Amino acid sequence: MRKTILFCGIAALMLQCKSMQPETPTPAPERETIDLLALGDSYTKGEGVAWEGNFPNQLADSLRLLNNNKRPALRVIAQTGWRTDQLRTAIEAAPELHDSTFSLVTLCIGVNNQYQGQSLGVYRAEFEELLKTAILRAGNRPERVLVLSIPDWAFTPFGQNSSNPAAISAKIDQFNAANKEISNTYKVQYIDVTTTSRLGLSNSALVASDGLHPSQIQYTRWIELLLPLARNVLQ
């Protein structure tokens, strides 16, 4: 009987001591090292503005605090005048991308398909292939792909000098309806920058000095739309 009482007392004391021991704190999860891939044409390259003023660089700067206070690495594949097929060729010619995964991928392409009179059907097919590539490069995480709509160059001094600015806007709307539908199908993030671009005639500060492309100020407005979505998926 005494042995039983003594054993129970020792067991209770051990349980009490164990309960008094401080719990090992759960280590905080490590922050992701952020890198960005920007795919597109002149609107991604930032024709007419300084390199650091284009929207991919502004986005990288804005995400610095989420990246342990380091500027995220940025890879831009974009050139003025590129259509969807030319962007695809450039991606295929960049072997370092073929097995790379990025934290975020942006895609803005199609204005030159429209400008050069290519069919909507060709654009739809090639845009979808590019979007699949973007999702793959984002590690098959569609929520980390940000598709930007095609800006409307009819609302610039250059566009107003064309024979039919209204026809340009109508065609831009058709191309954007296509890329938005495809983006929704693949469940990526879609950002409407066309509405902002259509303020270019009422606010000349939104147009670059070449009279055609967005200014750095307009790109900053794009970042105001992009940044909350980017932060949400990265956090």
Protein backbone atom coordinates (compact mmCIF):
# COMPACT_ATOMS: atom_id res chain seq x y z
CA MET A 1 0.00 0.00 0.00
CA ARG A 2 2.79 2.38 0.91
CA LYS A 3 4.61 1.53 -2.29
CA THR A 4 1.49 2.31 -4.28
CA ILE A 5 1.01 5.67 -2.56
CA LEU A 6 4.72 6.51 -2.98
CA PHE A 7 4.63 5.60 -6.71
CA CYS A 8 1.53 7.73 -7.28
CA GLY A 9 3.13 10.65 -5.49
CA ILE A 10 6.29 10.43 -7.59
CA ALA A 11 4.24 10.17 -10.80
CA ALA A 12 2.17 13.20 -9.87
CA LEU A 13 5.32 15.18 -9.04
CA MET A 14 6.86 14.26 -12.41
CA LEU A 15 3.72 15.33 -14.27
CA GLN A 16 3.68 18.61 -12.36
CA CYS A 17 7.33 19.29 -13.18
CA LYS A 18 6.73 18.44 -16.83
CA SER A 19 3.79 20.84 -16.99
CA MET A 20 5.97 23.58 -15.50
CA GLN A 21 8.62 23.25 -18.21
CA PRO A 22 8.46 26.01 -20.82
CA GLU A 23 7.22 24.91 -24.22
CA THR A 24 9.68 25.06 -27.07
CA PRO A 25 8.63 28.00 -29.23
CA THR A 26 7.62 27.19 -32.78
CA PRO A 27 10.17 28.74 -35.13
CA ALA A 28 8.80 31.44 -37.39
CA PRO A 29 8.49 30.35 -41.02
CA GLU A 30 11.27 31.58 -43.24
CA ARG A 31 10.38 34.36 -45.63
CA GLU A 32 10.37 33.46 -49.28
CA THR A 33 13.19 34.87 -51.37
CA ILE A 34 11.20 36.75 -53.98
CA ASP A 35 12.06 36.94 -57.66
CA LEU A 36 10.01 38.29 -60.54
CA LEU A 37 9.66 37.42 -64.23
CA ALA A 38 8.08 40.04 -66.51
CA LEU A 39 6.97 38.99 -70.00
CA GLY A 40 5.66 41.35 -72.64
CA ASP A 41 6.32 44.11 -75.15
CA SER A 42 6.99 47.86 -74.96
CA TYR A 43 4.55 48.27 -72.09
CA THR A 44 6.64 45.91 -69.97
CA LYS A 45 10.00 47.17 -71.20
CA GLY A 46 8.88 50.72 -70.50
CA GLU A 47 9.50 52.38 -73.86
CA GLY A 48 9.79 56.13 -73.40
CA VAL A 49 10.76 56.03 -69.70
CA ALA A 50 13.95 55.30 -67.78
CA TRP A 51 14.56 51.60 -67.15
CA GLU A 52 13.96 51.94 -63.43
CA GLY A 53 10.63 53.67 -64.13
CA ASN A 54 8.92 50.78 -65.92
CA PHE A 55 6.31 48.84 -64.00
CA PRO A 56 8.37 45.66 -63.36
CA ASN A 57 11.11 47.69 -61.67
CA GLN A 58 8.60 49.73 -59.72
CA LEU A 59 6.95 46.51 -58.57
CA ALA A 60 10.30 45.05 -57.49
CA ASP A 61 11.06 48.21 -55.52
CA SER A 62 7.62 48.13 -53.89
CA LEU A 63 8.10 44.52 -52.75
CA ARG A 64 11.44 45.18 -51.07
CA LEU A 65 10.08 44.95 -47.51
CA LEU A 66 8.47 41.56 -48.21
CA ASN A 67 11.84 40.26 -49.38
CA ASN A 68 13.78 40.70 -46.13
CA ASN A 69 14.31 44.34 -47.10
CA LYS A 70 16.14 43.26 -50.25
CA ARG A 71 15.09 44.24 -53.73
CA PRO A 72 13.62 41.16 -55.44
CA ALA A 73 15.57 39.80 -58.38
CA LEU A 74 13.97 40.75 -61.69
CA ARG A 75 14.13 39.13 -65.13
CA VAL A 76 12.47 41.01 -68.00
CA ILE A 77 11.81 39.45 -71.39
CA ALA A 78 10.16 42.22 -73.41
CA GLN A 79 10.87 44.35 -76.44
CA THR A 80 9.10 47.13 -78.26
CA GLY A 81 7.09 45.82 -81.20
CA TRP A 82 6.83 42.20 -80.06
CA ARG A 83 3.72 40.20 -80.90
CA THR A 84 2.70 37.04 -79.06
CA ASP A 85 4.71 34.82 -81.42
CA GLN A 86 7.85 36.92 -81.00
CA LEU A 87 7.59 36.79 -77.23
CA ARG A 88 7.19 33.01 -77.41
CA THR A 89 10.33 32.76 -79.57
CA ALA A 90 12.29 34.91 -77.11
CA ILE A 91 11.23 32.71 -74.18
CA GLU A 92 12.27 29.60 -76.08
CA ALA A 93 15.66 31.21 -76.77
CA ALA A 94 16.27 31.82 -73.05
CA PRO A 95 17.37 28.36 -71.78
CA GLU A 96 17.90 29.64 -68.25
CA LEU A 97 14.11 29.95 -67.95
CA HIS A 98 13.25 26.42 -68.95
CA ASP A 99 13.67 24.94 -65.48
CA SER A 100 13.29 28.11 -63.39
CA THR A 101 10.49 28.95 -60.98
CA PHE A 102 9.65 32.54 -60.04
CA SER A 103 7.68 33.99 -57.15
CA LEU A 104 5.63 36.17 -59.49
CA VAL A 105 5.19 36.28 -63.26
CA THR A 106 3.60 39.19 -65.13
CA LEU A 107 2.27 39.00 -68.69
CA CYS A 108 1.18 41.92 -70.84
CA ILE A 109 1.06 41.22 -74.57
CA GLY A 110 -1.15 41.83 -77.59
CA VAL A 111 -1.01 45.46 -78.65
CA ASN A 112 1.24 44.70 -81.61
CA ASN A 113 -1.01 41.85 -82.72
CA GLN A 114 -3.77 44.46 -82.86
CA TYR A 115 -1.62 47.21 -84.39
CA GLN A 116 -0.33 44.93 -87.13
CA GLY A 117 -3.80 43.69 -88.00
CA GLN A 118 -3.44 40.08 -86.87
CA SER A 119 -6.59 38.08 -86.35
CA LEU A 120 -8.22 37.70 -82.97
CA GLY A 121 -8.18 33.91 -83.39
CA VAL A 122 -4.40 33.82 -83.75
CA TYR A 123 -4.03 36.07 -80.72
CA ARG A 124 -6.28 33.88 -78.58
CA ALA A 125 -4.34 30.72 -79.38
CA GLU A 126 -0.90 32.25 -78.87
CA PHE A 127 -1.90 34.15 -75.74
CA GLU A 128 -3.19 30.95 -74.17
CA GLU A 129 0.11 29.20 -74.86
CA LEU A 130 2.03 32.10 -73.33
CA LEU A 131 -0.22 32.02 -70.28
CA LYS A 132 0.45 28.31 -69.82
CA THR A 133 4.17 29.08 -69.94
CA ALA A 134 3.75 31.86 -67.38
CA ILE A 135 1.90 29.51 -65.01
CA LEU A 136 4.62 26.89 -65.42
CA ARG A 137 7.33 29.43 -64.64
CA ALA A 138 5.35 30.44 -61.54
CA GLY A 139 5.69 26.89 -60.27
CA ASN A 140 2.21 25.85 -61.46
CA ARG A 141 0.71 28.39 -59.08
CA PRO A 142 -1.79 30.35 -61.24
CA GLU A 143 -2.55 32.79 -58.43
CA ARG A 144 1.03 34.03 -58.80
CA VAL A 145 0.57 35.04 -62.42
CA LEU A 146 -0.52 38.64 -63.01
CA VAL A 147 -2.00 39.34 -66.44
CA LEU A 148 -2.27 42.99 -67.40
CA SER A 149 -4.83 44.10 -69.95
CA ILE A 150 -3.68 45.81 -73.15
CA PRO A 151 -3.52 49.61 -72.77
CA ASP A 152 -5.48 51.69 -75.27
CA TRP A 153 -3.04 53.69 -77.38
CA ALA A 154 -5.93 55.53 -79.07
CA PHE A 155 -5.98 57.78 -76.00
CA THR A 156 -2.55 59.25 -76.79
CA PRO A 157 -1.47 62.04 -79.13
CA PHE A 158 -0.07 59.40 -81.50
CA GLY A 159 -3.33 57.47 -81.49
CA GLN A 160 -5.39 60.59 -82.10
CA ASN A 161 -3.42 61.18 -85.29
CA SER A 162 -4.58 57.85 -86.67
CA SER A 163 -7.44 57.69 -89.15
CA ASN A 164 -9.92 56.11 -86.72
CA PRO A 165 -9.14 56.20 -82.97
CA ALA A 166 -12.57 54.77 -82.12
CA ALA A 167 -11.83 51.66 -84.22
CA ILE A 168 -8.56 51.19 -82.32
CA SER A 169 -10.39 51.25 -79.00
CA ALA A 170 -13.01 48.81 -80.26
CA LYS A 171 -10.33 46.36 -81.37
CA ILE A 172 -8.43 46.73 -78.08
CA ASP A 173 -11.66 45.86 -76.27
CA GLN A 174 -12.01 42.69 -78.34
CA PHE A 175 -8.46 41.58 -77.62
CA ASN A 176 -8.88 42.32 -73.93
CA ALA A 177 -12.15 40.41 -73.79
CA ALA A 178 -10.24 37.42 -75.16
CA ASN A 179 -7.28 37.61 -72.78
CA LYS A 180 -9.57 38.19 -69.81
CA GLU A 181 -11.72 35.17 -70.66
CA ILE A 182 -8.64 32.97 -70.99
CA SER A 183 -7.15 34.37 -67.78
CA ASN A 184 -10.35 33.60 -65.87
CA THR A 185 -10.35 30.06 -67.26
CA TYR A 186 -6.87 29.46 -65.89
CA LYS A 187 -7.67 31.28 -62.62
CA VAL A 188 -4.80 33.76 -62.79
CA GLN A 189 -4.92 37.33 -61.50
CA TYR A 190 -6.21 39.84 -64.06
CA ILE A 191 -5.52 43.56 -63.79
CA ASP A 192 -7.34 46.17 -65.87
CA VAL A 193 -4.86 48.90 -66.79
CA THR A 194 -6.79 49.88 -69.91
CA THR A 195 -9.10 52.16 -67.92
CA THR A 196 -6.10 54.10 -66.61
CA SER A 197 -4.57 54.33 -70.07
CA ARG A 198 -7.77 55.96 -71.33
CA LEU A 199 -7.08 58.98 -69.13
CA GLY A 200 -4.11 59.88 -71.33
CA LEU A 201 -5.88 62.62 -73.27
CA SER A 202 -7.35 64.31 -70.21
CA ASN A 203 -4.10 64.02 -68.24
CA SER A 204 -0.98 64.44 -70.36
CA ALA A 205 1.23 63.49 -67.39
CA LEU A 206 0.16 59.89 -67.95
CA VAL A 207 1.78 59.76 -71.40
CA ALA A 208 5.53 59.51 -72.03
CA SER A 209 7.38 62.16 -74.01
CA ASP A 210 7.12 60.03 -77.16
CA GLY A 211 3.39 60.73 -77.22
CA LEU A 212 2.49 57.04 -77.34
CA HIS A 213 3.59 55.00 -74.33
CA PRO A 214 2.69 55.28 -70.64
CA SER A 215 4.76 57.63 -68.50
CA GLN A 216 6.43 56.64 -65.27
CA ILE A 217 3.52 58.30 -63.47
CA GLN A 218 1.05 56.04 -65.25
CA TYR A 219 3.15 52.99 -64.40
CA THR A 220 2.99 54.05 -60.76
CA ARG A 221 -0.80 53.94 -61.03
CA TRP A 222 -0.52 50.43 -62.40
CA ILE A 223 1.51 49.48 -59.34
CA GLU A 224 -1.32 50.71 -57.13
CA LEU A 225 -3.46 48.01 -58.76
CA LEU A 226 -0.79 45.31 -58.89
CA LEU A 227 0.78 45.64 -55.47
CA PRO A 228 -2.14 44.53 -53.24
CA LEU A 229 -2.57 41.37 -55.33
CA ALA A 230 1.16 40.63 -55.31
CA ARG A 231 1.45 41.15 -51.56
CA ASN A 232 -1.55 38.94 -50.90
CA VAL A 233 -0.18 35.90 -52.73
CA LEU A 234 3.36 36.38 -51.40
CA GLN A 235 2.27 36.67 -47.78
